[in-house]
Protein backbone atom coordinates (compact mmCIF):
# COMPACT_ATOMS: atom_id res chain seq x y z
CA MET A 1 -51.05 -3.50 8.25
CA GLU A 2 -50.91 -1.37 5.04
CA GLU A 3 -50.12 2.38 5.79
CA ILE A 4 -52.57 4.95 4.47
CA THR A 5 -50.98 7.38 2.40
CA GLU A 6 -51.76 11.08 2.50
CA ALA A 7 -53.07 10.87 -1.11
CA GLU A 8 -55.29 8.12 -0.16
CA LEU A 9 -56.50 9.94 2.94
CA TYR A 10 -57.56 12.82 0.70
CA ARG A 11 -59.12 10.43 -1.93
CA ARG A 12 -61.35 8.84 0.63
CA CYS A 13 -62.21 12.14 2.24
CA ASP A 14 -63.39 13.08 -1.33
CA GLU A 15 -65.47 9.95 -1.81
CA VAL A 16 -67.19 10.02 1.59
CA LEU A 17 -67.61 13.84 2.31
CA ARG A 18 -67.90 15.27 -1.25
CA PRO A 19 -71.69 14.39 -1.71
CA TYR A 20 -72.62 16.11 1.51
CA PHE A 21 -70.20 19.17 0.64
CA HIS A 22 -71.81 19.26 -2.81
CA SER A 23 -75.27 19.48 -1.30
CA GLN A 24 -74.01 22.41 0.80
CA ALA A 25 -72.48 24.24 -2.15
CA PHE A 26 -68.83 23.64 -1.12
CA LYS A 27 -66.17 23.24 -3.91
CA ARG A 28 -62.94 21.33 -3.64
CA GLY A 29 -59.72 23.68 -3.53
CA GLU A 30 -56.40 22.34 -2.73
CA SER A 31 -56.05 18.71 -1.40
CA GLY A 32 -58.19 18.26 1.44
CA GLU A 33 -59.63 21.90 1.20
CA TYR A 34 -63.39 22.58 0.56
CA LEU A 35 -64.55 26.34 0.01
CA ARG A 36 -67.91 27.90 -0.20
CA SER A 37 -68.60 31.40 -1.29
CA THR A 38 -71.40 33.30 0.38
CA GLN A 39 -72.81 36.80 -0.19
CA SER A 40 -70.71 38.18 2.57
CA GLY A 41 -67.58 35.94 2.56
CA ASN A 42 -66.23 32.44 2.41
CA ASP A 43 -66.49 29.18 4.36
CA ARG A 44 -63.23 26.99 4.39
CA ILE A 45 -62.84 23.44 5.68
CA LEU A 46 -59.57 21.83 5.59
CA VAL A 47 -58.62 18.13 6.30
CA SER A 48 -54.98 17.80 7.30
CA ARG A 49 -52.66 15.28 8.99
CA GLY A 50 -51.98 15.53 12.57
CA PRO A 51 -48.53 16.99 13.79
CA GLY A 52 -45.45 15.09 14.31
CA SER A 53 -45.77 11.35 15.01
CA LYS A 54 -49.51 11.51 14.68
CA GLY A 55 -49.34 12.59 11.04
CA LYS A 56 -49.17 9.10 9.71
CA THR A 57 -52.12 7.79 11.72
CA HIS A 58 -54.47 10.80 12.44
CA PHE A 59 -56.02 13.74 10.86
CA ALA A 60 -57.86 16.81 11.84
CA VAL A 61 -60.79 18.90 10.32
CA GLY A 62 -60.33 22.67 10.49
CA MET A 63 -63.06 25.04 9.62
CA SER A 64 -63.90 28.73 9.68
CA TYR A 65 -65.80 31.46 7.99
CA GLU A 66 -63.87 34.46 6.50
CA PRO A 67 -65.93 37.66 6.02
CA ASP A 68 -65.38 39.96 3.23
CA TYR A 69 -64.90 42.74 5.68
CA LEU A 70 -61.66 41.27 6.88
CA LYS A 71 -60.21 41.38 3.56
CA PRO A 72 -58.26 44.69 4.38
CA VAL A 73 -56.07 42.82 6.82
CA TYR A 74 -55.86 39.47 4.82
CA ASP A 75 -54.64 41.35 1.74
CA LEU A 76 -51.69 42.97 3.61
CA VAL A 77 -49.76 39.67 3.67
CA PRO A 78 -51.43 37.28 1.27
CA LEU A 79 -51.35 33.49 2.54
CA GLU A 80 -52.71 30.43 0.99
CA GLY A 81 -53.61 26.86 2.04
CA GLU A 82 -52.52 25.77 5.46
CA ASP A 83 -50.48 28.96 5.92
CA ARG A 84 -53.52 31.02 5.88
CA GLY A 85 -54.80 29.74 9.22
CA PHE A 86 -58.11 29.94 10.76
CA LEU A 87 -59.35 33.15 12.63
CA CYS A 88 -62.22 31.10 14.42
CA GLY A 89 -62.36 27.57 16.01
CA PRO A 90 -60.96 25.80 14.02
CA TYR A 91 -61.11 22.19 15.14
CA LEU A 92 -64.10 20.10 14.47
CA ASN A 93 -65.08 17.72 17.28
CA PRO A 94 -68.00 15.97 18.72
CA ALA A 95 -68.60 18.86 21.07
CA GLY A 96 -68.69 21.52 18.23
CA VAL A 97 -65.95 23.66 16.89
CA THR A 98 -63.22 24.68 19.43
CA ALA A 99 -59.61 25.71 19.78
CA ARG A 100 -58.62 22.41 21.30
CA PRO A 101 -57.42 19.89 18.61
CA LYS A 102 -59.26 16.80 17.76
CA TYR A 103 -57.60 13.99 15.63
CA TRP A 104 -59.35 11.14 14.15
CA SER A 105 -57.58 7.89 13.34
CA TYR A 106 -56.72 6.72 9.82
CA LYS A 107 -54.16 4.02 10.92
CA ASP A 108 -55.76 1.53 8.58
CA ALA A 109 -58.65 1.49 6.22
CA ALA A 110 -61.35 0.46 8.70
CA SER A 111 -60.25 3.07 11.17
CA LEU A 112 -60.46 5.75 8.42
CA GLU A 113 -63.97 4.65 7.19
CA ARG A 114 -65.34 5.03 10.86
CA SER A 115 -63.57 8.43 11.25
CA LEU A 116 -64.95 9.78 8.01
CA ARG A 117 -68.51 8.51 9.07
CA HIS A 118 -68.17 10.31 12.43
CA VAL A 119 -66.66 13.46 10.82
CA LEU A 120 -69.79 13.61 8.43
CA GLN A 121 -72.10 13.44 11.35
CA CYS A 122 -70.25 16.17 13.28
CA LEU A 123 -70.17 18.35 10.14
CA GLU A 124 -73.97 18.14 9.52
CA GLN A 125 -74.96 18.43 13.28
CA LEU A 126 -72.38 21.02 14.53
CA GLY A 127 -69.84 22.11 12.05
CA VAL A 128 -71.77 23.55 9.17
CA PRO A 129 -74.40 25.14 11.50
CA TRP A 130 -71.57 26.74 13.53
CA LEU A 131 -70.20 28.24 10.30
CA LYS A 132 -73.55 29.84 9.65
CA SER A 133 -73.59 31.47 13.17
CA LEU A 134 -70.28 33.36 12.30
CA ARG A 135 -72.18 35.40 9.86
CA ASP A 136 -73.18 37.55 12.76
CA PRO A 137 -70.09 39.99 13.29
CA LYS A 138 -70.57 39.77 17.16
CA VAL A 139 -70.55 36.04 17.17
CA LEU A 140 -67.48 35.96 14.87
CA ALA A 141 -65.65 38.54 17.14
CA ASP A 142 -66.48 36.57 20.29
CA ASN A 143 -64.89 33.42 18.53
CA ALA A 144 -61.93 35.20 17.02
CA ASP A 145 -58.56 33.88 18.23
CA PRO A 146 -56.70 36.77 19.97
CA VAL A 147 -53.55 35.38 18.93
CA ALA A 148 -54.38 36.44 15.39
CA ALA A 149 -54.30 39.96 16.78
CA LEU A 150 -54.66 41.98 13.60
CA PRO A 151 -57.73 40.14 12.01
CA ALA A 152 -59.15 39.74 15.52
CA GLY A 153 -58.77 43.47 16.16
CA LEU A 154 -60.75 44.35 12.83
CA ALA A 155 -63.45 41.73 13.58
CA ASN A 156 -63.82 43.34 17.03
CA GLU A 157 -63.90 46.83 15.45
CA ILE A 158 -66.70 45.81 13.21
CA ALA A 159 -68.61 44.13 15.85
CA GLY A 160 -68.54 47.50 17.89
CA ASN A 161 -66.08 46.23 20.45
CA VAL A 162 -63.92 49.19 20.33
CA GLU A 163 -61.77 48.73 23.41
CA ARG A 164 -61.19 45.16 22.74
CA ALA A 165 -60.19 46.20 19.13
CA LYS A 166 -57.74 48.77 20.48
CA ALA A 167 -56.11 46.23 22.90
CA LEU A 168 -55.70 43.83 20.02
CA TYR A 169 -54.25 46.41 17.64
CA GLN A 170 -51.91 47.57 20.52
CA GLU A 171 -50.72 43.81 20.96
CA MET A 172 -49.98 43.69 17.27
CA LEU A 173 -48.06 46.96 17.45
CA ARG A 174 -45.96 45.67 20.24
CA ARG A 175 -45.01 42.65 18.25
CA TYR A 176 -44.11 44.83 15.40
CA ARG A 177 -41.95 47.10 17.46
CA LEU A 178 -39.89 44.04 18.75
CA ILE A 179 -39.33 43.01 15.03
CA LEU A 180 -37.99 46.57 14.25
CA GLN A 181 -35.60 46.56 17.09
CA SER A 182 -33.98 43.27 15.82
CA ALA A 183 -34.40 43.80 11.92
CA THR A 184 -31.22 43.73 9.93
CA ASP A 185 -32.69 43.20 6.47
CA GLU A 186 -34.55 46.16 5.17
CA CYS A 187 -36.15 44.24 2.22
CA GLU A 188 -37.35 41.36 4.40
CA LEU A 189 -38.55 43.87 6.87
CA LEU A 190 -40.70 45.71 4.24
CA GLN A 191 -42.14 42.39 2.98
CA THR A 192 -43.03 40.98 6.33
CA ILE A 193 -44.47 43.80 8.38
CA GLY A 194 -44.46 46.88 6.04
CA LYS A 195 -48.02 46.99 5.23
CA PRO A 196 -49.59 45.56 8.40
CA PHE A 197 -47.45 48.06 10.22
CA VAL A 198 -49.12 50.91 8.19
CA PHE A 199 -52.41 49.57 8.81
CA VAL A 200 -52.14 49.08 12.57
CA THR A 201 -50.46 52.48 13.15
CA ALA A 202 -53.05 54.28 11.21
CA LYS A 203 -55.86 52.59 13.07
CA LEU A 204 -54.26 53.71 16.42
CA GLY A 205 -53.21 57.07 15.11
CA VAL A 206 -49.50 56.49 16.20
CA GLU A 207 -45.93 56.61 14.95
CA PRO A 208 -46.74 58.88 11.87
CA GLU A 209 -43.15 59.26 10.89
CA LYS A 210 -42.30 55.48 10.83
CA ARG A 211 -45.67 54.79 8.94
CA GLU A 212 -44.86 57.39 6.21
CA TRP A 213 -41.45 55.77 5.92
CA PHE A 214 -43.06 52.36 5.14
CA GLU A 215 -45.62 53.96 2.86
CA GLU A 216 -42.95 55.72 0.74
CA LYS A 217 -40.66 52.62 0.63
CA LEU A 218 -43.69 50.37 -0.37
CA ASN A 219 -45.32 52.93 -2.53
CA PHE A 220 -48.50 51.93 -0.43
CA HIS A 221 -50.93 54.66 0.47
CA PRO A 222 -54.17 53.10 1.68
CA GLN A 223 -57.06 55.10 3.01
CA ILE A 224 -57.55 53.53 6.40
CA LYS A 225 -60.29 54.80 8.93
CA PRO A 226 -58.70 55.35 12.22
CA LEU A 227 -60.21 53.42 15.26
CA LEU A 228 -62.75 55.63 16.94
CA ILE A 229 -61.34 55.55 20.53
CA SER A 230 -63.39 57.09 23.22
CA LYS A 231 -61.64 60.00 25.04
CA ASN A 232 -63.62 59.32 28.32
């Protein structure tokens, strides 16, 4: 049995899925990546090999919508490709798009063909309609992964879920404080958490002296609207 290479996996994905993606205005990005611009953001679909031992025999389809109103946090630490991650979902499966991974087989050519036909069906019936539902800020906030606390916080703030946004920002600040306690390399510290620290402390209205230190070191002085936290 001849092993399907990663390049062959992406080539066949293009051949089978591209006509549908083209009809839905998606364009090819990196290998296995398909992007669609909208008036208010971008849809992203990513075909990627499974983890560990699954990598040579199974692939997953990740997908999500990234609204323009989340750019203030994504621009703080620019990430591309798989490093970018997904705020919602992201795994396409026969039940919809969920956080639980679903892996399709590509152990041989026949398995890959069956998998791609099934993927196409799931995309048409469930995946792309789900992407469209995320245009509603409340739906996106409800689907946002709390592990990605910073963009999830802003998503909930935009959706009007102020207390939820506050809790997520506070969780992000907790993580930054742990990093600050153990940091030994100032340059690395500035690059990894400097701008996000400025953002989250400005949102919460806390640690002004440390925030000012980061701003001066980075020459980064953004206008950030504080979170409107109820005093009741």
